[in-house]
Amino acid sequence: MFGDLSGMMDKLKNAQQEVEKTKTRLNSVLVDEVAAEGKLKITLTANREIKAISIDNALLTDAEELEDYLIIALNKAIEKASKINEAELAVAAKNGMPNIPGMDMFK
């Protein structure tokens, strides 16, 4: 029914390896988000790991304002990183998947 089951299993294993390689590579893809007219900068990986937060001293006088900027900037950075992560992992998974008729789940 499915043809060469062993060959498909090998392709699935290769797809899993490609996904793992991509996850590792995404640790080195950096995403930056800047807020408060450049006074706040956040850097994280495409795997959504925060690498750096830079805060200008001018923002340290108002804790509530700083918290608001941090929340906004972190959410935007996480959204950017998530889009990159999802797109890259989908490509890696699709490229390694065996061609099973009717199983076009990665279109």
PDB file of N, CA and C in Angstrom:
ATOM      1  N   MET A   1       0.812  -1.198   0.000  1.00  0.00           N
ATOM      2  CA  MET A   1       0.000   0.000   0.000  1.00  0.00           C
ATOM      3  C   MET A   1       0.857   1.264   0.000  1.00  0.00           C
ATOM      4  N   PHE A   2       1.855   1.322   0.841  1.00  0.00           N
ATOM      5  CA  PHE A   2       2.712   2.505   0.931  1.00  0.00           C
ATOM      6  C   PHE A   2       4.039   2.329   0.212  1.00  0.00           C
ATOM      7  N   GLY A   3       4.236   1.206  -0.427  1.00  0.00           N
ATOM      8  CA  GLY A   3       5.502   0.994  -1.129  1.00  0.00           C
ATOM      9  C   GLY A   3       6.588   0.559  -0.164  1.00  0.00           C
ATOM     10  N   ASP A   4       7.722   1.179  -0.261  1.00  0.00           N
ATOM     11  CA  ASP A   4       8.899   0.825   0.530  1.00  0.00           C
ATOM     12  C   ASP A   4       8.809   1.434   1.931  1.00  0.00           C
ATOM     13  N   LEU A   5       8.283   0.657   2.872  1.00  0.00           N
ATOM     14  CA  LEU A   5       8.097   1.135   4.248  1.00  0.00           C
ATOM     15  C   LEU A   5       9.437   1.472   4.899  1.00  0.00           C
ATOM     16  N   SER A   6      10.458   0.678   4.630  1.00  0.00           N
ATOM     17  CA  SER A   6      11.785   0.925   5.189  1.00  0.00           C
ATOM     18  C   SER A   6      12.342   2.263   4.682  1.00  0.00           C
ATOM     19  N   GLY A   7      12.151   2.521   3.383  1.00  0.00           N
ATOM     20  CA  GLY A   7      12.617   3.783   2.809  1.00  0.00           C
ATOM     21  C   GLY A   7      11.899   4.976   3.414  1.00  0.00           C
ATOM     22  N   MET A   8      10.601   4.830   3.661  1.00  0.00           N
ATOM     23  CA  MET A   8       9.846   5.912   4.286  1.00  0.00           C
ATOM     24  C   MET A   8      10.329   6.163   5.704  1.00  0.00           C
ATOM     25  N   MET A   9      10.627   5.099   6.425  1.00  0.00           N
ATOM     26  CA  MET A   9      11.106   5.247   7.803  1.00  0.00           C
ATOM     27  C   MET A   9      12.455   5.982   7.812  1.00  0.00           C
ATOM     28  N   ASP A  10      13.301   5.658   6.843  1.00  0.00           N
ATOM     29  CA  ASP A  10      14.587   6.366   6.732  1.00  0.00           C
ATOM     30  C   ASP A  10      14.365   7.844   6.452  1.00  0.00           C
ATOM     31  N   LYS A  11      13.398   8.142   5.572  1.00  0.00           N
ATOM     32  CA  LYS A  11      13.115   9.542   5.260  1.00  0.00           C
ATOM     33  C   LYS A  11      12.560  10.275   6.478  1.00  0.00           C
ATOM     34  N   LEU A  12      11.724   9.603   7.253  1.00  0.00           N
ATOM     35  CA  LEU A  12      11.198  10.219   8.474  1.00  0.00           C
ATOM     36  C   LEU A  12      12.318  10.504   9.469  1.00  0.00           C
ATOM     37  N   LYS A  13      13.248   9.561   9.574  1.00  0.00           N
ATOM     38  CA  LYS A  13      14.402   9.754  10.463  1.00  0.00           C
ATOM     39  C   LYS A  13      15.242  10.938   9.980  1.00  0.00           C
ATOM     40  N   ASN A  14      15.430  11.034   8.658  1.00  0.00           N
ATOM     41  CA  ASN A  14      16.182  12.163   8.089  1.00  0.00           C
ATOM     42  C   ASN A  14      15.456  13.476   8.338  1.00  0.00           C
ATOM     43  N   ALA A  15      14.136  13.467   8.230  1.00  0.00           N
ATOM     44  CA  ALA A  15      13.350  14.687   8.499  1.00  0.00           C
ATOM     45  C   ALA A  15      13.548  15.126   9.944  1.00  0.00           C
ATOM     46  N   GLN A  16      13.529  14.165  10.852  1.00  0.00           N
ATOM     47  CA  GLN A  16      13.726  14.487  12.263  1.00  0.00           C
ATOM     48  C   GLN A  16      15.123  15.065  12.488  1.00  0.00           C
ATOM     49  N   GLN A  17      16.120  14.505  11.838  1.00  0.00           N
ATOM     50  CA  GLN A  17      17.485  15.028  11.962  1.00  0.00           C
ATOM     51  C   GLN A  17      17.584  16.443  11.401  1.00  0.00           C
ATOM     52  N   GLU A  18      16.911  16.703  10.278  1.00  0.00           N
ATOM     53  CA  GLU A  18      16.920  18.048   9.685  1.00  0.00           C
ATOM     54  C   GLU A  18      16.270  19.057  10.627  1.00  0.00           C
ATOM     55  N   VAL A  19      15.176  18.657  11.254  1.00  0.00           N
ATOM     56  CA  VAL A  19      14.505  19.541  12.210  1.00  0.00           C
ATOM     57  C   VAL A  19      15.438  19.845  13.378  1.00  0.00           C
ATOM     58  N   GLU A  20      16.127  18.842  13.881  1.00  0.00           N
ATOM     59  CA  GLU A  20      17.055  19.054  15.002  1.00  0.00           C
ATOM     60  C   GLU A  20      18.211  19.970  14.596  1.00  0.00           C
ATOM     61  N   LYS A  21      18.745  19.778  13.384  1.00  0.00           N
ATOM     62  CA  LYS A  21      19.820  20.655  12.887  1.00  0.00           C
ATOM     63  C   LYS A  21      19.320  22.096  12.788  1.00  0.00           C
ATOM     64  N   THR A  22      18.098  22.248  12.307  1.00  0.00           N
ATOM     65  CA  THR A  22      17.519  23.585  12.162  1.00  0.00           C
ATOM     66  C   THR A  22      17.332  24.233  13.525  1.00  0.00           C
ATOM     67  N   LYS A  23      16.852  23.475  14.503  1.00  0.00           N
ATOM     68  CA  LYS A  23      16.694  24.019  15.866  1.00  0.00           C
ATOM     69  C   LYS A  23      18.035  24.509  16.402  1.00  0.00           C
ATOM     70  N   THR A  24      19.079  23.739  16.173  1.00  0.00           N
ATOM     71  CA  THR A  24      20.414  24.137  16.628  1.00  0.00           C
ATOM     72  C   THR A  24      20.873  25.399  15.911  1.00  0.00           C
ATOM     73  N   ARG A  25      20.663  25.452  14.598  1.00  0.00           N
ATOM     74  CA  ARG A  25      21.057  26.634  13.818  1.00  0.00           C
ATOM     75  C   ARG A  25      20.295  27.881  14.266  1.00  0.00           C
ATOM     76  N   LEU A  26      19.034  27.715  14.639  1.00  0.00           N
ATOM     77  CA  LEU A  26      18.218  28.859  15.059  1.00  0.00           C
ATOM     78  C   LEU A  26      18.704  29.478  16.366  1.00  0.00           C
ATOM     79  N   ASN A  27      19.545  28.750  17.097  1.00  0.00           N
ATOM     80  CA  ASN A  27      20.154  29.337  18.300  1.00  0.00           C
ATOM     81  C   ASN A  27      21.113  30.469  17.950  1.00  0.00           C
ATOM     82  N   SER A  28      21.588  30.491  16.697  1.00  0.00           N
ATOM     83  CA  SER A  28      22.522  31.541  16.294  1.00  0.00           C
ATOM     84  C   SER A  28      21.856  32.630  15.453  1.00  0.00           C
ATOM     85  N   VAL A  29      20.562  32.474  15.177  1.00  0.00           N
ATOM     86  CA  VAL A  29      19.822  33.508  14.440  1.00  0.00           C
ATOM     87  C   VAL A  29      19.276  34.494  15.478  1.00  0.00           C
ATOM     88  N   LEU A  30      19.750  35.748  15.395  1.00  0.00           N
ATOM     89  CA  LEU A  30      19.360  36.749  16.389  1.00  0.00           C
ATOM     90  C   LEU A  30      18.270  37.665  15.863  1.00  0.00           C
ATOM     91  N   VAL A  31      17.347  37.988  16.750  1.00  0.00           N
ATOM     92  CA  VAL A  31      16.233  38.885  16.455  1.00  0.00           C
ATOM     93  C   VAL A  31      16.344  40.072  17.403  1.00  0.00           C
ATOM     94  N   ASP A  32      16.304  41.279  16.837  1.00  0.00           N
ATOM     95  CA  ASP A  32      16.382  42.496  17.646  1.00  0.00           C
ATOM     96  C   ASP A  32      15.045  43.221  17.623  1.00  0.00           C
ATOM     97  N   GLU A  33      14.720  43.822  18.740  1.00  0.00           N
ATOM     98  CA  GLU A  33      13.552  44.697  18.826  1.00  0.00           C
ATOM     99  C   GLU A  33      13.978  45.933  19.609  1.00  0.00           C
ATOM    100  N   VAL A  34      13.633  47.087  19.072  1.00  0.00           N
ATOM    101  CA  VAL A  34      13.996  48.360  19.695  1.00  0.00           C
ATOM    102  C   VAL A  34      12.710  49.086  20.059  1.00  0.00           C
ATOM    103  N   ALA A  35      12.705  49.733  21.232  1.00  0.00           N
ATOM    104  CA  ALA A  35      11.544  50.491  21.682  1.00  0.00           C
ATOM    105  C   ALA A  35      12.012  51.779  22.340  1.00  0.00           C
ATOM    106  N   ALA A  36      11.045  52.603  22.687  1.00  0.00           N
ATOM    107  CA  ALA A  36      11.314  53.860  23.399  1.00  0.00           C
ATOM    108  C   ALA A  36      12.347  54.713  22.664  1.00  0.00           C
ATOM    109  N   GLU A  37      12.118  54.848  21.361  1.00  0.00           N
ATOM    110  CA  GLU A  37      13.007  55.683  20.534  1.00  0.00           C
ATOM    111  C   GLU A  37      14.473  55.249  20.643  1.00  0.00           C
ATOM    112  N   GLY A  38      14.683  53.943  20.685  1.00  0.00           N
ATOM    113  CA  GLY A  38      16.034  53.398  20.721  1.00  0.00           C
ATOM    114  C   GLY A  38      16.639  53.290  22.111  1.00  0.00           C
ATOM    115  N   LYS A  39      15.888  53.650  23.128  1.00  0.00           N
ATOM    116  CA  LYS A  39      16.423  53.601  24.504  1.00  0.00           C
ATOM    117  C   LYS A  39      16.339  52.205  25.119  1.00  0.00           C
ATOM    118  N   LEU A  40      15.621  51.307  24.462  1.00  0.00           N
ATOM    119  CA  LEU A  40      15.487  49.938  24.940  1.00  0.00           C
ATOM    120  C   LEU A  40      15.716  49.003  23.757  1.00  0.00           C
ATOM    121  N   LYS A  41      16.629  48.045  23.931  1.00  0.00           N
ATOM    122  CA  LYS A  41      16.908  47.082  22.863  1.00  0.00           C
ATOM    123  C   LYS A  41      16.921  45.684  23.466  1.00  0.00           C
ATOM    124  N   ILE A  42      16.218  44.802  22.777  1.00  0.00           N
ATOM    125  CA  ILE A  42      16.146  43.412  23.215  1.00  0.00           C
ATOM    126  C   ILE A  42      16.639  42.532  22.076  1.00  0.00           C
ATOM    127  N   THR A  43      17.478  41.563  22.420  1.00  0.00           N
ATOM    128  CA  THR A  43      17.981  40.607  21.437  1.00  0.00           C
ATOM    129  C   THR A  43      17.660  39.209  21.942  1.00  0.00           C
ATOM    130  N   LEU A  44      17.063  38.395  21.065  1.00  0.00           N
ATOM    131  CA  LEU A  44      16.833  37.012  21.402  1.00  0.00           C
ATOM    132  C   LEU A  44      17.091  36.145  20.186  1.00  0.00           C
ATOM    133  N   THR A  45      17.193  34.839  20.424  1.00  0.00           N
ATOM    134  CA  THR A  45      17.426  33.911  19.324  1.00  0.00           C
ATOM    135  C   THR A  45      16.090  33.575  18.673  1.00  0.00           C
ATOM    136  N   ALA A  46      16.156  32.978  17.490  1.00  0.00           N
ATOM    137  CA  ALA A  46      14.934  32.533  16.826  1.00  0.00           C
ATOM    138  C   ALA A  46      14.277  31.379  17.586  1.00  0.00           C
ATOM    139  N   ASN A  47      14.988  30.824  18.551  1.00  0.00           N
ATOM    140  CA  ASN A  47      14.402  29.816  19.444  1.00  0.00           C
ATOM    141  C   ASN A  47      13.803  30.466  20.691  1.00  0.00           C
ATOM    142  N   ARG A  48      13.698  31.788  20.658  1.00  0.00           N
ATOM    143  CA  ARG A  48      13.039  32.596  21.705  1.00  0.00           C
ATOM    144  C   ARG A  48      13.781  32.590  23.040  1.00  0.00           C
ATOM    145  N   GLU A  49      15.092  32.542  22.973  1.00  0.00           N
ATOM    146  CA  GLU A  49      15.927  32.646  24.171  1.00  0.00           C
ATOM    147  C   GLU A  49      16.498  34.064  24.227  1.00  0.00           C
ATOM    148  N   ILE A  50      16.231  34.768  25.325  1.00  0.00           N
ATOM    149  CA  ILE A  50      16.709  36.144  25.460  1.00  0.00           C
ATOM    150  C   ILE A  50      18.226  36.128  25.619  1.00  0.00           C
ATOM    151  N   LYS A  51      18.898  36.923  24.787  1.00  0.00           N
ATOM    152  CA  LYS A  51      20.354  37.014  24.817  1.00  0.00           C
ATOM    153  C   LYS A  51      20.831  38.308  25.456  1.00  0.00           C
ATOM    154  N   ALA A  52      20.082  39.414  25.239  1.00  0.00           N
ATOM    155  CA  ALA A  52      20.534  40.686  25.779  1.00  0.00           C
ATOM    156  C   ALA A  52      19.362  41.657  25.904  1.00  0.00           C
ATOM    157  N   ILE A  53      19.444  42.486  26.929  1.00  0.00           N
ATOM    158  CA  ILE A  53      18.519  43.602  27.107  1.00  0.00           C
ATOM    159  C   ILE A  53      19.366  44.811  27.446  1.00  0.00           C
ATOM    160  N   SER A  54      19.219  45.849  26.641  1.00  0.00           N
ATOM    161  CA  SER A  54      19.967  47.081  26.851  1.00  0.00           C
ATOM    162  C   SER A  54      18.977  48.202  27.179  1.00  0.00           C
ATOM    163  N   ILE A  55      19.186  48.861  28.321  1.00  0.00           N
ATOM    164  CA  ILE A  55      18.267  49.905  28.778  1.00  0.00           C
ATOM    165  C   ILE A  55      19.052  51.189  29.002  1.00  0.00           C
ATOM    166  N   ASP A  56      18.626  52.239  28.320  1.00  0.00           N
ATOM    167  CA  ASP A  56      19.230  53.557  28.503  1.00  0.00           C
ATOM    168  C   ASP A  56      18.878  54.076  29.904  1.00  0.00           C
ATOM    169  N   ASN A  57      19.812  54.746  30.535  1.00  0.00           N
ATOM    170  CA  ASN A  57      19.594  55.263  31.884  1.00  0.00           C
ATOM    171  C   ASN A  57      18.377  56.171  31.984  1.00  0.00           C
ATOM    172  N   ALA A  58      18.009  56.832  30.900  1.00  0.00           N
ATOM    173  CA  ALA A  58      16.853  57.732  30.915  1.00  0.00           C
ATOM    174  C   ALA A  58      15.558  56.989  31.245  1.00  0.00           C
ATOM    175  N   LEU A  59      15.507  55.704  30.977  1.00  0.00           N
ATOM    176  CA  LEU A  59      14.300  54.927  31.266  1.00  0.00           C
ATOM    177  C   LEU A  59      14.243  54.421  32.708  1.00  0.00           C
ATOM    178  N   LEU A  60      15.325  54.565  33.439  1.00  0.00           N
ATOM    179  CA  LEU A  60      15.382  54.012  34.793  1.00  0.00           C
ATOM    180  C   LEU A  60      14.676  54.871  35.836  1.00  0.00           C
ATOM    181  N   THR A  61      14.220  56.038  35.449  1.00  0.00           N
ATOM    182  CA  THR A  61      13.571  56.934  36.414  1.00  0.00           C
ATOM    183  C   THR A  61      12.093  56.626  36.602  1.00  0.00           C
ATOM    184  N   ASP A  62      11.478  55.923  35.686  1.00  0.00           N
ATOM    185  CA  ASP A  62      10.053  55.615  35.761  1.00  0.00           C
ATOM    186  C   ASP A  62       9.859  54.116  35.563  1.00  0.00           C
ATOM    187  N   ALA A  63       9.711  53.383  36.660  1.00  0.00           N
ATOM    188  CA  ALA A  63       9.612  51.924  36.615  1.00  0.00           C
ATOM    189  C   ALA A  63       8.401  51.457  35.815  1.00  0.00           C
ATOM    190  N   GLU A  64       7.283  52.122  35.973  1.00  0.00           N
ATOM    191  CA  GLU A  64       6.068  51.715  35.264  1.00  0.00           C
ATOM    192  C   GLU A  64       6.229  51.873  33.747  1.00  0.00           C
ATOM    193  N   GLU A  65       6.823  52.978  33.334  1.00  0.00           N
ATOM    194  CA  GLU A  65       7.075  53.206  31.916  1.00  0.00           C
ATOM    195  C   GLU A  65       8.033  52.147  31.366  1.00  0.00           C
ATOM    196  N   LEU A  66       9.089  51.861  32.119  1.00  0.00           N
ATOM    197  CA  LEU A  66      10.058  50.846  31.696  1.00  0.00           C
ATOM    198  C   LEU A  66       9.392  49.482  31.561  1.00  0.00           C
ATOM    199  N   GLU A  67       8.563  49.118  32.529  1.00  0.00           N
ATOM    200  CA  GLU A  67       7.858  47.843  32.459  1.00  0.00           C
ATOM    201  C   GLU A  67       6.974  47.765  31.208  1.00  0.00           C
ATOM    202  N   ASP A  68       6.277  48.856  30.909  1.00  0.00           N
ATOM    203  CA  ASP A  68       5.426  48.885  29.720  1.00  0.00           C
ATOM    204  C   ASP A  68       6.253  48.681  28.456  1.00  0.00           C
ATOM    205  N   TYR A  69       7.361  49.392  28.347  1.00  0.00           N
ATOM    206  CA  TYR A  69       8.227  49.255  27.172  1.00  0.00           C
ATOM    207  C   TYR A  69       8.790  47.839  27.071  1.00  0.00           C
ATOM    208  N   LEU A  70       9.186  47.272  28.197  1.00  0.00           N
ATOM    209  CA  LEU A  70       9.728  45.912  28.188  1.00  0.00           C
ATOM    210  C   LEU A  70       8.686  44.903  27.699  1.00  0.00           C
ATOM    211  N   ILE A  71       7.476  45.021  28.192  1.00  0.00           N
ATOM    212  CA  ILE A  71       6.418  44.096  27.799  1.00  0.00           C
ATOM    213  C   ILE A  71       6.155  44.195  26.305  1.00  0.00           C
ATOM    214  N   ILE A  72       6.013  45.419  25.824  1.00  0.00           N
ATOM    215  CA  ILE A  72       5.741  45.623  24.402  1.00  0.00           C
ATOM    216  C   ILE A  72       6.889  45.087  23.540  1.00  0.00           C
ATOM    217  N   ALA A  73       8.112  45.458  23.890  1.00  0.00           N
ATOM    218  CA  ALA A  73       9.272  45.049  23.092  1.00  0.00           C
ATOM    219  C   ALA A  73       9.484  43.534  23.147  1.00  0.00           C
ATOM    220  N   LEU A  74       9.342  42.942  24.315  1.00  0.00           N
ATOM    221  CA  LEU A  74       9.505  41.489  24.432  1.00  0.00           C
ATOM    222  C   LEU A  74       8.450  40.751  23.609  1.00  0.00           C
ATOM    223  N   ASN A  75       7.220  41.192  23.683  1.00  0.00           N
ATOM    224  CA  ASN A  75       6.164  40.532  22.910  1.00  0.00           C
ATOM    225  C   ASN A  75       6.420  40.640  21.418  1.00  0.00           C
ATOM    226  N   LYS A  76       6.855  41.801  20.950  1.00  0.00           N
ATOM    227  CA  LYS A  76       7.152  41.964  19.522  1.00  0.00           C
ATOM    228  C   LYS A  76       8.333  41.093  19.109  1.00  0.00           C
ATOM    229  N   ALA A  77       9.362  41.054  19.932  1.00  0.00           N
ATOM    230  CA  ALA A  77      10.543  40.238  19.616  1.00  0.00           C
ATOM    231  C   ALA A  77      10.192  38.750  19.597  1.00  0.00           C
ATOM    232  N   ILE A  78       9.397  38.315  20.550  1.00  0.00           N
ATOM    233  CA  ILE A  78       8.990  36.908  20.604  1.00  0.00           C
ATOM    234  C   ILE A  78       8.140  36.564  19.381  1.00  0.00           C
ATOM    235  N   GLU A  79       7.279  37.478  18.969  1.00  0.00           N
ATOM    236  CA  GLU A  79       6.452  37.241  17.779  1.00  0.00           C
ATOM    237  C   GLU A  79       7.327  37.098  16.529  1.00  0.00           C
ATOM    238  N   LYS A  80       8.317  37.986  16.378  1.00  0.00           N
ATOM    239  CA  LYS A  80       9.231  37.895  15.230  1.00  0.00           C
ATOM    240  C   LYS A  80       9.993  36.574  15.248  1.00  0.00           C
ATOM    241  N   ALA A  81      10.530  36.229  16.422  1.00  0.00           N
ATOM    242  CA  ALA A  81      11.310  34.996  16.548  1.00  0.00           C
ATOM    243  C   ALA A  81      10.449  33.768  16.274  1.00  0.00           C
ATOM    244  N   SER A  82       9.215  33.787  16.744  1.00  0.00           N
ATOM    245  CA  SER A  82       8.312  32.658  16.539  1.00  0.00           C
ATOM    246  C   SER A  82       8.019  32.450  15.056  1.00  0.00           C
ATOM    247  N   LYS A  83       7.808  33.537  14.324  1.00  0.00           N
ATOM    248  CA  LYS A  83       7.541  33.425  12.891  1.00  0.00           C
ATOM    249  C   LYS A  83       8.726  32.813  12.162  1.00  0.00           C
ATOM    250  N   ILE A  84       9.929  33.264  12.507  1.00  0.00           N
ATOM    251  CA  ILE A  84      11.135  32.711  11.891  1.00  0.00           C
ATOM    252  C   ILE A  84      11.264  31.233  12.245  1.00  0.00           C
ATOM    253  N   ASN A  85      11.090  30.923  13.522  1.00  0.00           N
ATOM    254  CA  ASN A  85      11.219  29.556  14.013  1.00  0.00           C
ATOM    255  C   ASN A  85      10.246  28.626  13.302  1.00  0.00           C
ATOM    256  N   GLU A  86       8.978  29.007  13.259  1.00  0.00           N
ATOM    257  CA  GLU A  86       7.959  28.157  12.656  1.00  0.00           C
ATOM    258  C   GLU A  86       8.211  27.948  11.159  1.00  0.00           C
ATOM    259  N   ALA A  87       8.580  29.015  10.467  1.00  0.00           N
ATOM    260  CA  ALA A  87       8.828  28.913   9.028  1.00  0.00           C
ATOM    261  C   ALA A  87      10.019  28.001   8.745  1.00  0.00           C
ATOM    262  N   GLU A  88      11.107  28.183   9.483  1.00  0.00           N
ATOM    263  CA  GLU A  88      12.311  27.373   9.260  1.00  0.00           C
ATOM    264  C   GLU A  88      12.072  25.899   9.586  1.00  0.00           C
ATOM    265  N   LEU A  89      11.370  25.625  10.689  1.00  0.00           N
ATOM    266  CA  LEU A  89      11.118  24.237  11.062  1.00  0.00           C
ATOM    267  C   LEU A  89      10.159  23.571  10.074  1.00  0.00           C
ATOM    268  N   ALA A  90       9.189  24.312   9.555  1.00  0.00           N
ATOM    269  CA  ALA A  90       8.266  23.746   8.567  1.00  0.00           C
ATOM    270  C   ALA A  90       9.014  23.356   7.297  1.00  0.00           C
ATOM    271  N   VAL A  91       9.939  24.206   6.866  1.00  0.00           N
ATOM    272  CA  VAL A  91      10.730  23.900   5.670  1.00  0.00           C
ATOM    273  C   VAL A  91      11.589  22.662   5.916  1.00  0.00           C
ATOM    274  N   ALA A  92      12.234  22.602   7.075  1.00  0.00           N
ATOM    275  CA  ALA A  92      13.099  21.454   7.386  1.00  0.00           C
ATOM    276  C   ALA A  92      12.285  20.163   7.421  1.00  0.00           C
ATOM    277  N   ALA A  93      11.118  20.215   8.033  1.00  0.00           N
ATOM    278  CA  ALA A  93      10.282  19.014   8.132  1.00  0.00           C
ATOM    279  C   ALA A  93       9.760  18.603   6.759  1.00  0.00           C
ATOM    280  N   LYS A  94       9.310  19.574   5.973  1.00  0.00           N
ATOM    281  CA  LYS A  94       8.752  19.266   4.654  1.00  0.00           C
ATOM    282  C   LYS A  94       9.807  18.671   3.733  1.00  0.00           C
ATOM    283  N   ASN A  95      11.016  19.225   3.766  1.00  0.00           N
ATOM    284  CA  ASN A  95      12.080  18.733   2.889  1.00  0.00           C
ATOM    285  C   ASN A  95      12.471  17.297   3.191  1.00  0.00           C
ATOM    286  N   GLY A  96      12.310  16.874   4.422  1.00  0.00           N
ATOM    287  CA  GLY A  96      12.725  15.519   4.770  1.00  0.00           C
ATOM    288  C   GLY A  96      11.613  14.494   4.767  1.00  0.00           C
ATOM    289  N   MET A  97      10.370  14.947   4.592  1.00  0.00           N
ATOM    290  CA  MET A  97       9.243  14.017   4.660  1.00  0.00           C
ATOM    291  C   MET A  97       9.148  13.151   3.406  1.00  0.00           C
ATOM    292  N   PRO A  98       8.758  11.884   3.582  1.00  0.00           N
ATOM    293  CA  PRO A  98       8.534  11.034   2.418  1.00  0.00           C
ATOM    294  C   PRO A  98       7.261  11.498   1.707  1.00  0.00           C
ATOM    295  N   ASN A  99       7.153  11.193   0.439  1.00  0.00           N
ATOM    296  CA  ASN A  99       5.988  11.578  -0.345  1.00  0.00           C
ATOM    297  C   ASN A  99       4.912  10.510  -0.184  1.00  0.00           C
ATOM    298  N   ILE A 100       3.954  10.767   0.714  1.00  0.00           N
ATOM    299  CA  ILE A 100       2.863   9.829   0.967  1.00  0.00           C
ATOM    300  C   ILE A 100       1.593  10.444   0.371  1.00  0.00           C
ATOM    301  N   PRO A 101       1.008   9.794  -0.615  1.00  0.00           N
ATOM    302  CA  PRO A 101      -0.198  10.362  -1.230  1.00  0.00           C
ATOM    303  C   PRO A 101      -1.275  10.665  -0.202  1.00  0.00           C
ATOM    304  N   GLY A 102      -1.868  11.871  -0.309  1.00  0.00           N
ATOM    305  CA  GLY A 102      -2.933  12.260   0.608  1.00  0.00           C
ATOM    306  C   GLY A 102      -2.441  12.835   1.915  1.00  0.00           C
ATOM    307  N   MET A 103      -1.138  12.908   2.107  1.00  0.00           N
ATOM    308  CA  MET A 103      -0.582  13.403   3.380  1.00  0.00           C
ATOM    309  C   MET A 103       0.153  14.721   3.162  1.00  0.00           C
ATOM    310  N   ASP A 104      -0.464  15.653   2.456  1.00  0.00           N
ATOM    311  CA  ASP A 104       0.155  16.950   2.172  1.00  0.00           C
ATOM    312  C   ASP A 104      -0.122  17.921   3.307  1.00  0.00           C
ATOM    313  N   MET A 105       0.383  17.628   4.502  1.00  0.00           N
ATOM    314  CA  MET A 105       0.094  18.471   5.657  1.00  0.00           C
ATOM    315  C   MET A 105       1.029  19.661   5.777  1.00  0.00           C
ATOM    316  N   PHE A 106       2.060  19.766   4.967  1.00  0.00           N
ATOM    317  CA  PHE A 106       2.993  20.872   5.068  1.00  0.00           C
ATOM    318  C   PHE A 106       2.938  21.765   3.825  1.00  0.00           C
ATOM    319  N   LYS A 107       1.766  22.005   3.286  1.00  0.00           N
ATOM    320  CA  LYS A 107       1.645  22.854   2.092  1.00  0.00           C
ATOM    321  C   LYS A 107       1.893  24.287   2.431  1.00  0.00           C
TER     322      LYS A 107
END
